[in-house]
Amino acid sequence: MSTGFTSPILLSVSQTTSFSHFTLPHIKVGIAGFSIACTTHCRAGEIGTGNLPRIFFGFWPTSFIADWVCLVKHESSYNTKAVNNNGPSRDYGIFQINSKYWCEDGKTSGSKNACHISCSKFQDDNIEDDIQCAKKIAREANGLTPWYGWRDNCKGKNLSSYVNGC
């Protein structure tokens, strides 16, 4: 499984927002002339199911988007502010990225910080850095098996409902 998908991406914004934020009120995402209009209506810290496939469109091959949306639903319920205390470590953000291996939270002894980032960056509404770290995790694991939410709820199942209408 290759998670190193790259493709030219066009992101145009139709309100005053920052380019790097993917929780925008109105965005158009296009790849090679194909565009999808996306209107978001979500609470702060939460990204709805209809938005994620469109947000993920330029980051992963289309065939993997349903897996990622399902993963996020079962890891954080689409909550960008989610934190889960595992005792010696914590999971942060929409992908529930663990502080023992992937980010630095100042609380986890012996943190590897393999994504070279503060865990607090995974708790804001800009999920671009979350996506980059999640891709690194998946690439190193050769799949999505590090996420229990995906293994227990998504692996080997029909996930078409996660991307219907996209």
Protein backbone atom coordinates (compact mmCIF):
# COMPACT_ATOMS: atom_id res chain seq x y z
CA MET A 1 0.00 0.00 0.00
CA SER A 2 1.47 3.34 -0.99
CA THR A 3 0.47 6.38 1.01
CA GLY A 4 2.90 8.62 -0.86
CA PHE A 5 0.23 9.78 -3.32
CA THR A 6 1.04 13.12 -4.84
CA SER A 7 -0.95 15.02 -7.39
CA PRO A 8 -1.29 18.65 -8.35
CA ILE A 9 -3.94 20.16 -6.12
CA LEU A 10 -5.80 23.40 -6.60
CA LEU A 11 -7.38 24.89 -3.50
CA SER A 12 -9.44 28.00 -4.00
CA VAL A 13 -11.09 29.77 -1.11
CA SER A 14 -14.21 31.89 -1.37
CA GLN A 15 -14.08 33.72 1.97
CA THR A 16 -11.41 35.29 4.14
CA THR A 17 -9.49 32.27 5.37
CA SER A 18 -5.94 30.96 5.54
CA PHE A 19 -4.71 28.67 2.74
CA SER A 20 -3.28 26.14 5.16
CA HIS A 21 -6.55 25.54 7.03
CA PHE A 22 -8.79 22.79 5.79
CA THR A 23 -11.81 23.55 7.98
CA LEU A 24 -13.03 26.33 5.75
CA PRO A 25 -16.58 27.63 5.34
CA HIS A 26 -16.40 27.31 1.54
CA ILE A 27 -13.69 25.62 -0.50
CA LYS A 28 -13.25 24.18 -3.95
CA VAL A 29 -10.79 21.38 -4.36
CA GLY A 30 -9.69 20.33 -7.82
CA ILE A 31 -7.22 17.86 -9.26
CA ALA A 32 -6.23 18.10 -12.92
CA GLY A 33 -9.26 20.16 -13.89
CA PHE A 34 -11.79 18.17 -11.87
CA SER A 35 -13.32 20.17 -9.05
CA ILE A 36 -15.60 19.43 -6.16
CA ALA A 37 -17.45 22.16 -4.32
CA CYS A 38 -17.60 21.69 -0.58
CA THR A 39 -19.67 23.68 1.87
CA THR A 40 -18.91 23.02 5.50
CA HIS A 41 -21.13 23.60 8.49
CA CYS A 42 -19.43 22.22 11.56
CA ARG A 43 -18.90 23.08 15.18
CA ALA A 44 -15.49 24.30 16.30
CA GLY A 45 -13.18 21.35 16.70
CA GLU A 46 -15.38 19.00 14.70
CA ILE A 47 -15.24 18.12 11.02
CA GLY A 48 -18.32 16.45 9.57
CA THR A 49 -18.32 13.26 7.54
CA GLY A 50 -19.31 15.05 4.35
CA ASN A 51 -16.27 17.31 4.55
CA LEU A 52 -13.51 14.80 5.18
CA PRO A 53 -13.59 12.98 1.84
CA ARG A 54 -13.22 16.33 0.11
CA ILE A 55 -10.46 17.46 2.45
CA PHE A 56 -8.60 14.16 2.04
CA PHE A 57 -9.04 14.15 -1.75
CA GLY A 58 -5.61 15.62 -2.52
CA PHE A 59 -3.72 13.70 0.16
CA TRP A 60 -4.54 10.05 -0.60
CA PRO A 61 -5.59 7.98 -3.58
CA THR A 62 -9.36 7.96 -3.93
CA SER A 63 -9.48 4.24 -3.11
CA PHE A 64 -8.14 4.90 0.42
CA ILE A 65 -10.26 7.90 1.39
CA ALA A 66 -13.12 5.82 2.84
CA ASP A 67 -10.64 4.00 5.07
CA TRP A 68 -9.29 7.29 6.43
CA VAL A 69 -12.76 8.75 7.03
CA CYS A 70 -13.82 5.57 8.84
CA LEU A 71 -10.60 5.65 10.89
CA VAL A 72 -11.23 9.25 11.98
CA LYS A 73 -14.84 8.49 12.91
CA HIS A 74 -13.82 5.63 15.18
CA GLU A 75 -10.67 7.24 16.61
CA SER A 76 -11.94 10.73 17.46
CA SER A 77 -15.55 11.08 16.25
CA TYR A 78 -14.19 13.77 13.87
CA ASN A 79 -13.09 15.86 16.86
CA THR A 80 -9.87 17.79 16.17
CA LYS A 81 -9.54 18.61 19.88
CA ALA A 82 -9.79 14.99 21.12
CA VAL A 83 -7.29 13.74 23.74
CA ASN A 84 -7.20 10.22 25.14
CA ASN A 85 -5.03 9.54 28.17
CA ASN A 86 -3.47 6.07 27.96
CA GLY A 87 -1.58 6.33 31.23
CA PRO A 88 2.06 6.66 30.20
CA SER A 89 1.15 8.37 26.89
CA ARG A 90 -1.72 10.25 25.24
CA ASP A 91 -3.41 10.27 21.80
CA TYR A 92 -4.10 13.65 20.22
CA GLY A 93 -6.39 15.16 17.60
CA ILE A 94 -8.56 13.86 14.84
CA PHE A 95 -6.23 10.91 14.10
CA GLN A 96 -5.43 10.24 17.79
CA ILE A 97 -1.67 10.44 17.20
CA ASN A 98 0.29 8.97 20.11
CA SER A 99 2.78 10.97 22.16
CA LYS A 100 5.06 7.99 22.85
CA TYR A 101 6.13 7.68 19.23
CA TRP A 102 4.93 10.52 17.04
CA CYS A 103 4.73 13.89 18.86
CA GLU A 104 6.07 15.71 21.91
CA ASP A 105 3.66 16.69 24.69
CA GLY A 106 6.13 17.39 27.49
CA LYS A 107 4.45 14.71 29.62
CA THR A 108 5.48 11.45 27.94
CA SER A 109 8.77 10.00 29.13
CA GLY A 110 11.02 8.81 26.31
CA SER A 111 8.92 10.27 23.49
CA LYS A 112 10.39 9.49 20.04
CA ASN A 113 8.64 12.49 18.38
CA ALA A 114 9.07 10.86 14.95
CA CYS A 115 6.88 13.53 13.28
CA HIS A 116 8.99 16.31 14.86
CA ILE A 117 6.00 18.25 16.14
CA SER A 118 4.31 19.33 19.34
CA CYS A 119 1.22 17.24 20.11
CA SER A 120 -0.72 20.47 20.69
CA LYS A 121 -0.53 21.10 16.92
CA PHE A 122 -2.82 18.09 16.49
CA GLN A 123 -5.53 19.81 18.53
CA ASP A 124 -6.17 22.82 16.31
CA ASP A 125 -8.53 23.03 13.35
CA ASN A 126 -5.68 23.02 10.82
CA ILE A 127 -5.38 19.32 10.06
CA GLU A 128 -2.67 19.59 7.40
CA ASP A 129 0.09 18.71 9.88
CA ASP A 130 -2.10 15.94 11.32
CA ILE A 131 -2.49 14.47 7.83
CA GLN A 132 1.25 14.62 7.18
CA CYS A 133 2.03 12.77 10.41
CA ALA A 134 -0.77 10.22 9.83
CA LYS A 135 0.68 9.54 6.38
CA LYS A 136 4.10 8.97 7.94
CA ILE A 137 2.61 6.54 10.48
CA ALA A 138 0.77 4.62 7.75
CA ARG A 139 3.83 4.57 5.52
CA GLU A 140 6.07 3.20 8.29
CA ALA A 141 3.46 0.62 9.35
CA ASN A 142 2.69 -0.25 5.72
CA GLY A 143 -1.00 0.38 6.39
CA LEU A 144 -3.52 1.58 8.94
CA THR A 145 -3.05 -1.22 11.48
CA PRO A 146 -1.59 1.07 14.19
CA TRP A 147 -5.10 2.52 14.65
CA TYR A 148 -7.37 0.24 16.71
CA GLY A 149 -10.42 2.20 15.54
CA TRP A 150 -9.66 1.23 11.94
CA ARG A 151 -8.69 -2.39 12.73
CA ASP A 152 -11.80 -3.00 14.83
CA ASN A 153 -14.39 -1.10 12.77
CA CYS A 154 -13.19 -0.55 9.21
CA LYS A 155 -10.72 -3.19 8.05
CA GLY A 156 -12.20 -5.52 5.46
CA LYS A 157 -15.63 -3.86 5.54
CA ASN A 158 -17.67 -2.10 2.89
CA LEU A 159 -16.89 1.56 3.59
CA SER A 160 -18.74 3.11 0.65
CA SER A 161 -21.14 4.89 3.02
CA TYR A 162 -18.23 7.05 4.21
CA VAL A 163 -17.77 8.60 0.77
CA ASN A 164 -21.30 8.52 -0.70
CA GLY A 165 -22.05 11.70 -2.59
CA CYS A 166 -18.43 12.72 -3.06
